[in-house]
Amino acid sequence: MRLKQILLAACISLCATLGIQAKGVVDIYELTFDQNVNSPKIAKSEVAGRVQDFQNDQAIALINNSLEVELMRNGEVIIVTIPAYELFAPNDTVLVDKSSETLSKLLKFTKTPGMYKMLLVMHSDNTGSRDYLTRLTSARVNAVFDWFDANGNTEAVVPYAFGDIQPLKDNSTMEKRRLNRRLEVYIVPGEAMIEQAKKGKVTGTIISKKRK
């Protein structure tokens, strides 16, 4: 990731020196989570439909692989939720051995440059100070990022540490706190997928039945 950021900065600097506007150059690591999960936009409904149906197929495959999955942005974005206990021991920031079995199910989304952005969002319960929870989720999400860096391609993988600011439950019981401790992985269509969808090269089983 550091090398990519250096090269991107060098490109922008060179363009500025030559008086050239670096159109379309967006550093996804400088975007907020909301900006990243909502971009790139898909302007045409036909293209969006192809992406949605393709993503639906990917979601079904992930469900069949024993992952907890939901869809957002009208079905364009897949969310995979992984309980923290599947990745880390209590209060620890080192991935447990069995975490590779779970994370490897998502490796395919890092293989083809431009097809996806993958946003890693680590959450905690509210046990501890805000500073501690921020540091805990930062260390944990960086450990997950490093795993993908070692095993795949992280040029479009972006980590976020949310601490306890977005709980699923109210933290009033041990079970509710357990549910709040989680990693959410947002699988967002990239520019390459959208371009392929424009050409009809990205389709899914739903669209193929409707529009043959």
C-alpha atoms as a PDB file:
ATOM      1  CA  MET A   1       0.000   0.000   0.000  1.00  0.00           C
ATOM      2  CA  ARG A   2       2.820   2.424   0.876  1.00  0.00           C
ATOM      3  CA  LEU A   3       4.474   1.956  -2.545  1.00  0.00           C
ATOM      4  CA  LYS A   4       1.152   2.581  -4.307  1.00  0.00           C
ATOM      5  CA  GLN A   5       0.598   5.777  -2.346  1.00  0.00           C
ATOM      6  CA  ILE A   6       4.141   6.980  -3.161  1.00  0.00           C
ATOM      7  CA  LEU A   7       3.659   6.288  -6.880  1.00  0.00           C
ATOM      8  CA  LEU A   8       0.267   8.006  -6.873  1.00  0.00           C
ATOM      9  CA  ALA A   9       1.715  11.055  -5.124  1.00  0.00           C
ATOM     10  CA  ALA A  10       4.588  11.156  -7.620  1.00  0.00           C
ATOM     11  CA  CYS A  11       2.108  11.005 -10.526  1.00  0.00           C
ATOM     12  CA  ILE A  12       0.030  13.858  -9.132  1.00  0.00           C
ATOM     13  CA  SER A  13       3.165  15.901  -8.429  1.00  0.00           C
ATOM     14  CA  LEU A  14       4.496  15.360 -11.953  1.00  0.00           C
ATOM     15  CA  CYS A  15       1.160  16.331 -13.497  1.00  0.00           C
ATOM     16  CA  ALA A  16       1.116  19.492 -11.409  1.00  0.00           C
ATOM     17  CA  THR A  17       4.676  20.340 -12.462  1.00  0.00           C
ATOM     18  CA  LEU A  18       3.772  19.906 -16.134  1.00  0.00           C
ATOM     19  CA  GLY A  19       0.538  21.833 -15.724  1.00  0.00           C
ATOM     20  CA  ILE A  20      -1.577  18.763 -16.442  1.00  0.00           C
ATOM     21  CA  GLN A  21      -4.727  18.061 -14.460  1.00  0.00           C
ATOM     22  CA  ALA A  22      -4.704  14.492 -13.154  1.00  0.00           C
ATOM     23  CA  LYS A  23      -8.266  13.705 -14.154  1.00  0.00           C
ATOM     24  CA  GLY A  24      -9.834  10.658 -12.553  1.00  0.00           C
ATOM     25  CA  VAL A  25      -6.926  10.121 -10.164  1.00  0.00           C
ATOM     26  CA  VAL A  26      -8.501   9.307  -6.814  1.00  0.00           C
ATOM     27  CA  ASP A  27      -6.542   8.026  -3.835  1.00  0.00           C
ATOM     28  CA  ILE A  28      -9.006   5.633  -2.202  1.00  0.00           C
ATOM     29  CA  TYR A  29      -6.887   5.646   0.971  1.00  0.00           C
ATOM     30  CA  GLU A  30      -7.690   9.335   1.448  1.00  0.00           C
ATOM     31  CA  LEU A  31     -11.458   8.855   1.167  1.00  0.00           C
ATOM     32  CA  THR A  32     -13.781   8.464   4.111  1.00  0.00           C
ATOM     33  CA  PHE A  33     -15.599   5.172   4.529  1.00  0.00           C
ATOM     34  CA  ASP A  34     -18.859   6.702   3.247  1.00  0.00           C
ATOM     35  CA  GLN A  35     -17.104   8.086   0.172  1.00  0.00           C
ATOM     36  CA  ASN A  36     -15.489   4.744  -0.590  1.00  0.00           C
ATOM     37  CA  VAL A  37     -18.571   2.599  -0.098  1.00  0.00           C
ATOM     38  CA  ASN A  38     -20.661   4.892  -2.314  1.00  0.00           C
ATOM     39  CA  SER A  39     -18.225   5.177  -5.213  1.00  0.00           C
ATOM     40  CA  PRO A  40     -17.844   4.714  -8.067  1.00  0.00           C
ATOM     41  CA  LYS A  41     -21.414   5.557  -8.999  1.00  0.00           C
ATOM     42  CA  ILE A  42     -23.119   3.546 -11.725  1.00  0.00           C
ATOM     43  CA  ALA A  43     -25.054   6.028 -13.810  1.00  0.00           C
ATOM     44  CA  LYS A  44     -27.022   3.823 -16.218  1.00  0.00           C
ATOM     45  CA  SER A  45     -29.727   1.501 -14.898  1.00  0.00           C
ATOM     46  CA  GLU A  46     -28.926  -1.243 -17.411  1.00  0.00           C
ATOM     47  CA  VAL A  47     -25.282  -1.307 -16.319  1.00  0.00           C
ATOM     48  CA  ALA A  48     -26.319  -1.179 -12.669  1.00  0.00           C
ATOM     49  CA  GLY A  49     -28.653  -4.124 -13.252  1.00  0.00           C
ATOM     50  CA  ARG A  50     -25.837  -6.226 -14.660  1.00  0.00           C
ATOM     51  CA  VAL A  51     -23.601  -5.392 -11.713  1.00  0.00           C
ATOM     52  CA  GLN A  52     -26.384  -6.104  -9.208  1.00  0.00           C
ATOM     53  CA  ASP A  53     -27.113  -9.513 -10.705  1.00  0.00           C
ATOM     54  CA  PHE A  54     -23.418 -10.388 -10.853  1.00  0.00           C
ATOM     55  CA  GLN A  55     -22.967  -9.343  -7.227  1.00  0.00           C
ATOM     56  CA  ASN A  56     -26.023 -11.372  -6.250  1.00  0.00           C
ATOM     57  CA  ASP A  57     -24.307 -14.459  -7.651  1.00  0.00           C
ATOM     58  CA  GLN A  58     -21.162 -13.648  -5.664  1.00  0.00           C
ATOM     59  CA  ALA A  59     -23.228 -13.187  -2.501  1.00  0.00           C
ATOM     60  CA  ILE A  60     -24.929 -16.560  -2.954  1.00  0.00           C
ATOM     61  CA  ALA A  61     -21.536 -18.225  -3.415  1.00  0.00           C
ATOM     62  CA  LEU A  62     -20.299 -16.646  -0.179  1.00  0.00           C
ATOM     63  CA  ILE A  63     -23.420 -17.769   1.705  1.00  0.00           C
ATOM     64  CA  ASN A  64     -22.864 -21.292   0.385  1.00  0.00           C
ATOM     65  CA  ASN A  65     -19.336 -20.975   1.781  1.00  0.00           C
ATOM     66  CA  SER A  66     -20.769 -20.476   5.294  1.00  0.00           C
ATOM     67  CA  LEU A  67     -20.330 -16.705   5.513  1.00  0.00           C
ATOM     68  CA  GLU A  68     -22.844 -14.163   6.854  1.00  0.00           C
ATOM     69  CA  VAL A  69     -23.761 -11.939   3.919  1.00  0.00           C
ATOM     70  CA  GLU A  70     -26.065  -9.043   3.113  1.00  0.00           C
ATOM     71  CA  LEU A  71     -26.361  -6.559   0.258  1.00  0.00           C
ATOM     72  CA  MET A  72     -26.552  -2.762   0.185  1.00  0.00           C
ATOM     73  CA  ARG A  73     -26.630   0.047  -2.394  1.00  0.00           C
ATOM     74  CA  ASN A  74     -29.470  -1.660  -4.271  1.00  0.00           C
ATOM     75  CA  GLY A  75     -27.531  -4.911  -4.377  1.00  0.00           C
ATOM     76  CA  GLU A  76     -24.321  -3.454  -5.818  1.00  0.00           C
ATOM     77  CA  VAL A  77     -22.258  -3.847  -2.616  1.00  0.00           C
ATOM     78  CA  ILE A  78     -21.775  -7.081  -0.666  1.00  0.00           C
ATOM     79  CA  ILE A  79     -21.234  -6.987   3.100  1.00  0.00           C
ATOM     80  CA  VAL A  80     -19.623  -9.977   4.802  1.00  0.00           C
ATOM     81  CA  THR A  81     -19.711 -10.007   8.619  1.00  0.00           C
ATOM     82  CA  ILE A  82     -17.125 -12.083  10.473  1.00  0.00           C
ATOM     83  CA  PRO A  83     -17.306 -12.409  14.276  1.00  0.00           C
ATOM     84  CA  ALA A  84     -14.134 -11.163  15.950  1.00  0.00           C
ATOM     85  CA  TYR A  85     -13.731 -14.436  17.855  1.00  0.00           C
ATOM     86  CA  GLU A  86     -13.147 -16.237  14.540  1.00  0.00           C
ATOM     87  CA  LEU A  87     -10.120 -14.010  13.964  1.00  0.00           C
ATOM     88  CA  PHE A  88      -8.698 -13.052  17.372  1.00  0.00           C
ATOM     89  CA  ALA A  89      -8.390 -14.308  20.917  1.00  0.00           C
ATOM     90  CA  PRO A  90     -10.071 -12.045  23.532  1.00  0.00           C
ATOM     91  CA  ASN A  91      -8.365  -8.632  23.773  1.00  0.00           C
ATOM     92  CA  ASP A  92      -5.632  -9.808  21.374  1.00  0.00           C
ATOM     93  CA  THR A  93      -4.532  -8.296  18.070  1.00  0.00           C
ATOM     94  CA  VAL A  94      -2.736 -11.309  16.569  1.00  0.00           C
ATOM     95  CA  LEU A  95      -4.741 -13.405  14.119  1.00  0.00           C
ATOM     96  CA  VAL A  96      -5.445 -16.924  15.335  1.00  0.00           C
ATOM     97  CA  ASP A  97      -4.410 -19.824  13.111  1.00  0.00           C
ATOM     98  CA  LYS A  98      -7.963 -20.673  12.033  1.00  0.00           C
ATOM     99  CA  SER A  99      -8.525 -17.109  10.758  1.00  0.00           C
ATOM    100  CA  SER A 100      -6.868 -18.011   7.465  1.00  0.00           C
ATOM    101  CA  GLU A 101      -9.644 -20.494   6.753  1.00  0.00           C
ATOM    102  CA  THR A 102     -12.214 -17.691   6.937  1.00  0.00           C
ATOM    103  CA  LEU A 103     -10.239 -14.892   5.270  1.00  0.00           C
ATOM    104  CA  SER A 104      -9.142 -17.097   2.364  1.00  0.00           C
ATOM    105  CA  LYS A 105     -12.793 -17.252   1.264  1.00  0.00           C
ATOM    106  CA  LEU A 106     -12.469 -13.567   0.309  1.00  0.00           C
ATOM    107  CA  LEU A 107      -9.114 -13.680  -1.469  1.00  0.00           C
ATOM    108  CA  LYS A 108     -10.668 -13.945  -4.924  1.00  0.00           C
ATOM    109  CA  PHE A 109     -11.965 -10.382  -4.612  1.00  0.00           C
ATOM    110  CA  THR A 110      -8.375  -9.072  -4.501  1.00  0.00           C
ATOM    111  CA  LYS A 111      -7.071 -11.021  -7.492  1.00  0.00           C
ATOM    112  CA  THR A 112      -8.185  -8.926 -10.496  1.00  0.00           C
ATOM    113  CA  PRO A 113      -7.038  -5.272 -10.377  1.00  0.00           C
ATOM    114  CA  GLY A 114      -9.908  -2.800 -10.724  1.00  0.00           C
ATOM    115  CA  MET A 115     -12.738  -5.313 -10.320  1.00  0.00           C
ATOM    116  CA  TYR A 116     -13.363  -4.517  -6.664  1.00  0.00           C
ATOM    117  CA  LYS A 117     -12.575  -2.305  -3.728  1.00  0.00           C
ATOM    118  CA  MET A 118     -12.589  -4.187  -0.437  1.00  0.00           C
ATOM    119  CA  LEU A 119     -13.221  -2.126   2.706  1.00  0.00           C
ATOM    120  CA  LEU A 120     -12.239  -3.712   6.014  1.00  0.00           C
ATOM    121  CA  VAL A 121     -14.173  -2.252   8.966  1.00  0.00           C
ATOM    122  CA  MET A 122     -13.341  -3.477  12.472  1.00  0.00           C
ATOM    123  CA  HIS A 123     -15.825  -2.958  15.323  1.00  0.00           C
ATOM    124  CA  SER A 124     -15.710  -3.560  19.082  1.00  0.00           C
ATOM    125  CA  ASP A 125     -18.091  -3.575  22.006  1.00  0.00           C
ATOM    126  CA  ASN A 126     -17.967  -0.694  24.523  1.00  0.00           C
ATOM    127  CA  THR A 127     -15.784  -2.414  27.130  1.00  0.00           C
ATOM    128  CA  GLY A 128     -12.927   0.018  27.754  1.00  0.00           C
ATOM    129  CA  SER A 129     -12.099   3.635  27.021  1.00  0.00           C
ATOM    130  CA  ARG A 130     -12.715   5.145  23.598  1.00  0.00           C
ATOM    131  CA  ASP A 131      -8.956   5.491  23.114  1.00  0.00           C
ATOM    132  CA  TYR A 132      -8.371   1.821  23.963  1.00  0.00           C
ATOM    133  CA  LEU A 133     -11.131   0.638  21.630  1.00  0.00           C
ATOM    134  CA  THR A 134      -9.777   2.767  18.787  1.00  0.00           C
ATOM    135  CA  ARG A 135      -6.296   1.334  19.301  1.00  0.00           C
ATOM    136  CA  LEU A 136      -7.659  -2.214  19.578  1.00  0.00           C
ATOM    137  CA  THR A 137      -9.705  -2.045  16.378  1.00  0.00           C
ATOM    138  CA  SER A 138      -6.862  -0.258  14.561  1.00  0.00           C
ATOM    139  CA  ALA A 139      -4.395  -3.004  15.457  1.00  0.00           C
ATOM    140  CA  ARG A 140      -6.882  -5.713  14.548  1.00  0.00           C
ATOM    141  CA  VAL A 141      -7.883  -4.290  11.176  1.00  0.00           C
ATOM    142  CA  ASN A 142      -4.219  -3.718  10.323  1.00  0.00           C
ATOM    143  CA  ALA A 143      -3.528  -7.362  11.142  1.00  0.00           C
ATOM    144  CA  VAL A 144      -6.274  -8.394   8.706  1.00  0.00           C
ATOM    145  CA  PHE A 145      -4.915  -6.002   6.079  1.00  0.00           C
ATOM    146  CA  ASP A 146      -1.431  -7.463   6.532  1.00  0.00           C
ATOM    147  CA  TRP A 147      -2.846 -10.966   6.026  1.00  0.00           C
ATOM    148  CA  PHE A 148      -4.336  -9.937   2.686  1.00  0.00           C
ATOM    149  CA  ASP A 149      -1.087  -8.156   1.806  1.00  0.00           C
ATOM    150  CA  ALA A 150       0.855 -11.368   2.458  1.00  0.00           C
ATOM    151  CA  ASN A 151      -1.590 -13.644   0.652  1.00  0.00           C
ATOM    152  CA  GLY A 152      -3.169 -11.549  -2.097  1.00  0.00           C
ATOM    153  CA  ASN A 153      -3.211  -8.037  -3.531  1.00  0.00           C
ATOM    154  CA  THR A 154      -4.024  -5.001  -1.373  1.00  0.00           C
ATOM    155  CA  GLU A 155      -3.955  -2.220  -3.958  1.00  0.00           C
ATOM    156  CA  ALA A 156      -7.711  -1.768  -3.444  1.00  0.00           C
ATOM    157  CA  VAL A 157      -8.085  -2.963   0.154  1.00  0.00           C
ATOM    158  CA  VAL A 158      -8.792  -0.152   2.624  1.00  0.00           C
ATOM    159  CA  PRO A 159      -8.814  -0.633   6.440  1.00  0.00           C
ATOM    160  CA  TYR A 160     -11.005   1.328   8.861  1.00  0.00           C
ATOM    161  CA  ALA A 161     -11.134   1.143  12.683  1.00  0.00           C
ATOM    162  CA  PHE A 162     -14.550   2.112  14.072  1.00  0.00           C
ATOM    163  CA  GLY A 163     -14.110   1.193  17.742  1.00  0.00           C
ATOM    164  CA  ASP A 164     -17.542   1.016  19.397  1.00  0.00           C
ATOM    165  CA  ILE A 165     -19.277   3.766  17.428  1.00  0.00           C
ATOM    166  CA  GLN A 166     -21.534   1.477  15.347  1.00  0.00           C
ATOM    167  CA  PRO A 167     -22.860  -1.282  17.625  1.00  0.00           C
ATOM    168  CA  LEU A 168     -25.364  -3.805  16.325  1.00  0.00           C
ATOM    169  CA  LYS A 169     -26.793  -4.245  19.825  1.00  0.00           C
ATOM    170  CA  ASP A 170     -26.924  -2.196  23.031  1.00  0.00           C
ATOM    171  CA  ASN A 171     -23.995  -3.921  24.852  1.00  0.00           C
ATOM    172  CA  SER A 172     -26.243  -4.814  27.792  1.00  0.00           C
ATOM    173  CA  THR A 173     -25.402  -8.550  27.778  1.00  0.00           C
ATOM    174  CA  MET A 174     -22.393 -10.740  26.996  1.00  0.00           C
ATOM    175  CA  GLU A 175     -24.120 -12.083  23.890  1.00  0.00           C
ATOM    176  CA  LYS A 176     -24.903  -8.607  22.565  1.00  0.00           C
ATOM    177  CA  ARG A 177     -21.307  -7.503  23.166  1.00  0.00           C
ATOM    178  CA  ARG A 178     -20.105 -10.604  21.327  1.00  0.00           C
ATOM    179  CA  LEU A 179     -22.218  -9.646  18.300  1.00  0.00           C
ATOM    180  CA  ASN A 180     -20.799  -6.109  18.336  1.00  0.00           C
ATOM    181  CA  ARG A 181     -17.212  -7.405  18.120  1.00  0.00           C
ATOM    182  CA  ARG A 182     -16.931  -8.031  14.400  1.00  0.00           C
ATOM    183  CA  LEU A 183     -15.165  -7.403  11.115  1.00  0.00           C
ATOM    184  CA  GLU A 184     -17.326  -6.141   8.261  1.00  0.00           C
ATOM    185  CA  VAL A 185     -15.943  -6.563   4.754  1.00  0.00           C
ATOM    186  CA  TYR A 186     -17.559  -4.355   2.095  1.00  0.00           C
ATOM    187  CA  ILE A 187     -17.028  -5.702  -1.430  1.00  0.00           C
ATOM    188  CA  VAL A 188     -17.575  -2.721  -3.725  1.00  0.00           C
ATOM    189  CA  PRO A 189     -17.661  -2.869  -7.552  1.00  0.00           C
ATOM    190  CA  GLY A 190     -14.605  -1.253  -9.132  1.00  0.00           C
ATOM    191  CA  GLU A 191     -14.181   0.691 -12.351  1.00  0.00           C
ATOM    192  CA  ALA A 192     -13.087  -2.421 -14.268  1.00  0.00           C
ATOM    193  CA  MET A 193     -16.293  -4.255 -13.361  1.00  0.00           C
ATOM    194  CA  ILE A 194     -18.406  -1.287 -14.416  1.00  0.00           C
ATOM    195  CA  GLU A 195     -16.588  -1.042 -17.747  1.00  0.00           C
ATOM    196  CA  GLN A 196     -17.126  -4.757 -18.357  1.00  0.00           C
ATOM    197  CA  ALA A 197     -20.791  -4.392 -17.432  1.00  0.00           C
ATOM    198  CA  LYS A 198     -21.156  -1.619 -20.032  1.00  0.00           C
ATOM    199  CA  LYS A 199     -19.942  -4.105 -22.661  1.00  0.00           C
ATOM    200  CA  GLY A 200     -22.219  -6.877 -21.403  1.00  0.00           C
ATOM    201  CA  LYS A 201     -19.298  -8.952 -20.151  1.00  0.00           C
ATOM    202  CA  VAL A 202     -20.462  -8.903 -16.524  1.00  0.00           C
ATOM    203  CA  THR A 203     -23.774 -10.657 -16.020  1.00  0.00           C
ATOM    204  CA  GLY A 204     -25.457 -12.838 -13.447  1.00  0.00           C
ATOM    205  CA  THR A 205     -27.958 -15.652 -13.462  1.00  0.00           C
ATOM    206  CA  ILE A 206     -30.890 -13.290 -12.832  1.00  0.00           C
ATOM    207  CA  ILE A 207     -30.094 -10.961 -15.707  1.00  0.00           C
ATOM    208  CA  SER A 208     -29.273 -13.786 -18.104  1.00  0.00           C
ATOM    209  CA  LYS A 209     -32.741 -15.232 -17.536  1.00  0.00           C
ATOM    210  CA  LYS A 210     -34.480 -11.863 -17.930  1.00  0.00           C
ATOM    211  CA  ARG A 211     -32.563 -10.375 -20.865  1.00  0.00           C
ATOM    212  CA  LYS A 212     -31.292 -13.188 -23.125  1.00  0.00           C
END
